[in-house]
Structure formats: C-alpha cells, structure tokens
Amino acid sequence: MPLRPTLLFIPSTTIAMSEVLNKQFFVRKLDQFLASGNFRRTPERYKVLDVVLGFSKHFSVADIQAKLQQDNFYLSLATIYNTLRLFVRANIIKSIDFEGADSTQYVVNGITSNVYLYCTTCGKIKDVRDTDFITFMNTRKYTAFKADHYSLLVYGTCNTCARKRNNSINKKSPTKKSLK
C-alpha cells in the first residue's frame, strides 16, 4: 500500500512524509552535522543510524543492541549511548523520558506522533496521532519564543491494566450471596 504524503512538523521545517521516510535524508543530515562539528564519519555511527531508521515507533538502547546483535554487529553500550546523544544533537532523533520508566525512549524526528500515552502500571507506551493537538500546536504563537518541536506525554493506565485491576477488585469484594 503506497504511503500518502503527509505533512509533519519537525524542528524548523515542515517536510513531506515520503522525504522523512527516505533514509538518504537522514544520512545527508548526519553527514552535514558530522562535517560541521568536525566529528569522524565512522561505520558504527552509520550502522546505528540504519538500525534507528528501521524503527517505526519509539525504541530503547536495548532494542538497538538486540537488532545490532541480530545483524552480527557488536557495539558497546557506551558507543550506542554516545551515538544516540550525537543523533539527538543532530536533530535526527529525540529522547523521551517517562517518569517511572526503566529507560529513556527515542523516536526518529518526524516519523512518529508527538503524543505518547504511558501506562504507569505496566510501562507500555503508545504513540497516538492527535490531529487536534497538532493543529493547535502548529498555530500556537508564543511571545518572544519560537517553538522548534513539541511532544505531549500523557500518564495513566492502559485498558489491559485497568481490566486486570477491576477483575482483581471484583474477586476480592464479597458478593450478595456470600453475605447471606
């Protein structure tokens, strides 16, 4: 099924989804950043970029490490963390820290939504496309401030955990028959 071009707000630019999905866009972006900062162009950085661009949703360092190992490409955790920090500075990815989460999550800039639902019970994260929120943020103006990007973190309980909690409460509470 072909992708429809969709406009997304990413830092300082609005680009078509087809360009966002083009890996060459991010390779050029990384090339420019590395050249401007006199950083080395290493095969490890480009391999991590390739892995990162393979994720369509949020991901963690553990997800990257697992994918690298699956490809028989072994990097230290320090190298992965340093590379991700570099990608954040290059505006290729953004990091999302959820209160109570075990690890930092990352997303590729422009590929996922800007609204994240975080279940405080099980830690599940869901990306949601909220067009009303996006419209509001794209039209919002701030005095003496230009927004580069935004995200909304919503904390709560997912349906699965809510059902489990309700079932356990119903099992513990006495029924009318047992009161007789």
Protein backbone atom coordinates (compact mmCIF):
# COMPACT_ATOMS: atom_id res chain seq x y z
CA MET A 1 0.00 0.00 0.00
CA PRO A 2 1.66 3.30 -1.07
CA LEU A 3 2.14 5.99 1.53
CA ARG A 4 0.26 9.26 1.10
CA PRO A 5 2.40 12.36 1.52
CA THR A 6 1.53 13.80 4.91
CA LEU A 7 2.98 17.00 6.28
CA LEU A 8 4.61 16.74 9.67
CA PHE A 9 6.02 19.41 11.94
CA ILE A 10 9.64 18.80 12.80
CA PRO A 11 12.17 21.28 14.09
CA SER A 12 12.28 24.43 11.94
CA THR A 13 10.90 22.58 8.92
CA THR A 14 7.75 21.04 7.51
CA ILE A 15 8.52 18.21 5.09
CA ALA A 16 6.58 15.51 3.29
CA MET A 17 6.35 12.06 4.90
CA SER A 18 7.87 10.50 1.76
CA GLU A 19 11.02 12.56 2.37
CA VAL A 20 11.08 11.67 6.08
CA LEU A 21 10.97 8.00 5.21
CA ASN A 22 13.83 8.46 2.78
CA LYS A 23 16.93 7.22 4.60
CA GLN A 24 19.10 9.41 2.41
CA PHE A 25 17.52 12.49 4.01
CA PHE A 26 18.87 11.41 7.40
CA VAL A 27 22.21 10.26 6.03
CA ARG A 28 22.70 13.73 4.49
CA LYS A 29 21.61 15.33 7.75
CA LEU A 30 24.15 13.23 9.69
CA ASP A 31 26.88 13.96 7.10
CA GLN A 32 26.28 17.69 7.44
CA PHE A 33 26.25 17.56 11.24
CA LEU A 34 29.43 15.49 11.45
CA ALA A 35 31.23 17.80 8.99
CA SER A 36 30.10 20.97 10.78
CA GLY A 37 31.30 19.68 14.16
CA ASN A 38 34.49 18.02 12.91
CA PHE A 39 33.23 14.61 14.05
CA ARG A 40 34.52 11.42 12.46
CA ARG A 41 32.35 9.58 9.94
CA THR A 42 32.53 6.05 11.35
CA PRO A 43 30.83 2.89 10.08
CA GLU A 44 29.45 2.34 13.59
CA ARG A 45 27.53 5.63 13.51
CA TYR A 46 26.02 4.84 10.12
CA LYS A 47 25.11 1.30 11.20
CA VAL A 48 23.31 2.67 14.29
CA LEU A 49 21.56 5.22 12.04
CA ASP A 50 20.42 2.41 9.76
CA VAL A 51 19.05 0.45 12.74
CA VAL A 52 17.36 3.54 14.22
CA LEU A 53 15.65 4.33 10.91
CA GLY A 54 14.25 0.79 10.87
CA PHE A 55 12.03 1.55 13.86
CA SER A 56 8.60 2.97 13.10
CA LYS A 57 7.82 3.69 16.76
CA HIS A 58 9.77 4.55 19.89
CA PHE A 59 12.78 2.42 20.78
CA SER A 60 15.33 1.98 23.55
CA VAL A 61 19.07 1.29 23.69
CA ALA A 62 18.23 -2.36 24.41
CA ASP A 63 16.17 -2.50 21.19
CA ILE A 64 19.10 -1.12 19.20
CA GLN A 65 21.57 -3.51 20.81
CA ALA A 66 19.29 -6.50 20.11
CA LYS A 67 18.92 -5.51 16.45
CA LEU A 68 22.67 -4.98 16.07
CA GLN A 69 23.39 -8.40 17.59
CA GLN A 70 20.79 -9.95 15.31
CA ASP A 71 22.79 -8.48 12.40
CA ASN A 72 26.05 -9.83 13.96
CA PHE A 73 27.27 -6.27 14.54
CA TYR A 74 28.53 -5.83 18.09
CA LEU A 75 28.95 -2.42 19.72
CA SER A 76 29.49 -1.49 23.35
CA LEU A 77 26.65 0.16 25.22
CA ALA A 78 28.85 3.26 25.62
CA THR A 79 29.20 3.56 21.84
CA ILE A 80 25.45 3.20 21.35
CA TYR A 81 24.67 5.81 24.05
CA ASN A 82 27.27 8.24 22.66
CA THR A 83 25.95 7.78 19.13
CA LEU A 84 22.37 8.40 20.26
CA ARG A 85 23.47 11.57 22.08
CA LEU A 86 25.08 12.70 18.85
CA PHE A 87 21.88 11.93 16.89
CA VAL A 88 19.85 13.98 19.38
CA ARG A 89 22.23 16.92 18.92
CA ALA A 90 21.97 16.48 15.13
CA ASN A 91 18.15 16.61 15.45
CA ILE A 92 17.79 13.18 13.85
CA ILE A 93 16.11 11.64 16.90
CA LYS A 94 14.63 12.95 20.09
CA SER A 95 14.73 11.37 23.52
CA ILE A 96 11.65 10.93 25.64
CA ASP A 97 11.99 10.38 29.37
CA PHE A 98 8.90 8.96 31.02
CA GLU A 99 8.64 9.28 34.80
CA GLY A 100 8.95 5.81 36.27
CA ALA A 101 10.12 4.20 33.01
CA ASP A 102 13.07 1.83 33.17
CA SER A 103 14.90 3.50 30.30
CA THR A 104 14.89 6.50 28.01
CA GLN A 105 12.92 6.00 24.83
CA TYR A 106 13.91 7.52 21.50
CA VAL A 107 11.97 8.37 18.35
CA VAL A 108 13.09 9.42 14.89
CA ASN A 109 12.19 13.05 14.35
CA GLY A 110 9.11 13.33 12.17
CA ILE A 111 8.20 9.65 11.90
CA THR A 112 6.08 9.16 15.00
CA SER A 113 3.39 11.28 16.55
CA ASN A 114 4.00 13.90 19.18
CA VAL A 115 1.51 12.43 21.66
CA TYR A 116 2.61 9.50 23.84
CA LEU A 117 0.37 7.56 26.24
CA TYR A 118 2.38 5.96 29.05
CA CYS A 119 0.85 3.30 31.30
CA THR A 120 2.24 3.85 34.78
CA THR A 121 1.31 0.27 35.73
CA CYS A 122 2.97 -1.85 33.03
CA GLY A 123 5.17 0.72 31.29
CA LYS A 124 3.58 0.25 27.85
CA ILE A 125 3.94 3.29 25.58
CA LYS A 126 1.51 4.04 22.79
CA ASP A 127 2.07 6.67 20.10
CA VAL A 128 -1.14 8.43 19.15
CA ARG A 129 -1.87 10.78 16.30
CA ASP A 130 -4.00 13.60 17.72
CA THR A 131 -4.79 15.94 14.84
CA ASP A 132 -6.48 18.48 17.15
CA PHE A 133 -3.32 18.74 19.25
CA ILE A 134 -1.09 19.02 16.17
CA THR A 135 -3.32 21.73 14.68
CA PHE A 136 -3.33 23.62 17.97
CA MET A 137 0.46 23.44 18.35
CA ASN A 138 1.15 24.41 14.73
CA THR A 139 -0.99 27.53 15.07
CA ARG A 140 0.15 28.48 18.58
CA LYS A 141 2.35 31.59 18.88
CA TYR A 142 4.41 32.48 21.93
CA THR A 143 5.72 35.92 22.82
CA ALA A 144 9.49 36.18 22.32
CA PHE A 145 9.79 32.44 21.74
CA LYS A 146 9.88 30.21 18.66
CA ALA A 147 9.00 26.57 19.25
CA ASP A 148 11.24 24.06 17.45
CA HIS A 149 9.33 20.92 18.37
CA TYR A 150 6.88 19.62 20.92
CA SER A 151 5.54 16.46 22.47
CA LEU A 152 2.80 15.60 24.91
CA LEU A 153 3.30 12.85 27.49
CA VAL A 154 0.07 11.53 28.96
CA TYR A 155 0.38 9.33 32.07
CA GLY A 156 -2.37 6.90 33.05
CA THR A 157 -3.48 3.29 32.94
CA CYS A 158 -3.92 1.26 29.75
CA ASN A 159 -7.10 -0.76 29.13
CA THR A 160 -5.35 -4.08 29.84
CA CYS A 161 -4.11 -2.96 33.28
CA ALA A 162 -7.45 -1.31 34.09
CA ARG A 163 -9.29 -4.58 33.30
CA LYS A 164 -6.85 -6.59 35.42
CA ARG A 165 -7.28 -4.16 38.31
CA ASN A 166 -11.08 -4.23 38.02
CA ASN A 167 -11.11 -8.04 37.86
CA SER A 168 -8.95 -8.33 40.97
CA ILE A 169 -11.16 -5.83 42.83
CA ASN A 170 -14.31 -7.75 41.81
CA LYS A 171 -12.77 -11.05 43.02
CA LYS A 172 -11.87 -9.55 46.39
CA SER A 173 -15.21 -7.83 47.08
CA PRO A 174 -17.88 -10.08 48.62
CA THR A 175 -20.97 -10.85 46.53
CA LYS A 176 -24.53 -10.55 47.83
CA LYS A 177 -24.83 -14.36 48.00
CA SER A 178 -21.84 -14.70 50.30
CA LEU A 179 -23.30 -12.11 52.68
CA LYS A 180 -26.44 -14.24 53.39
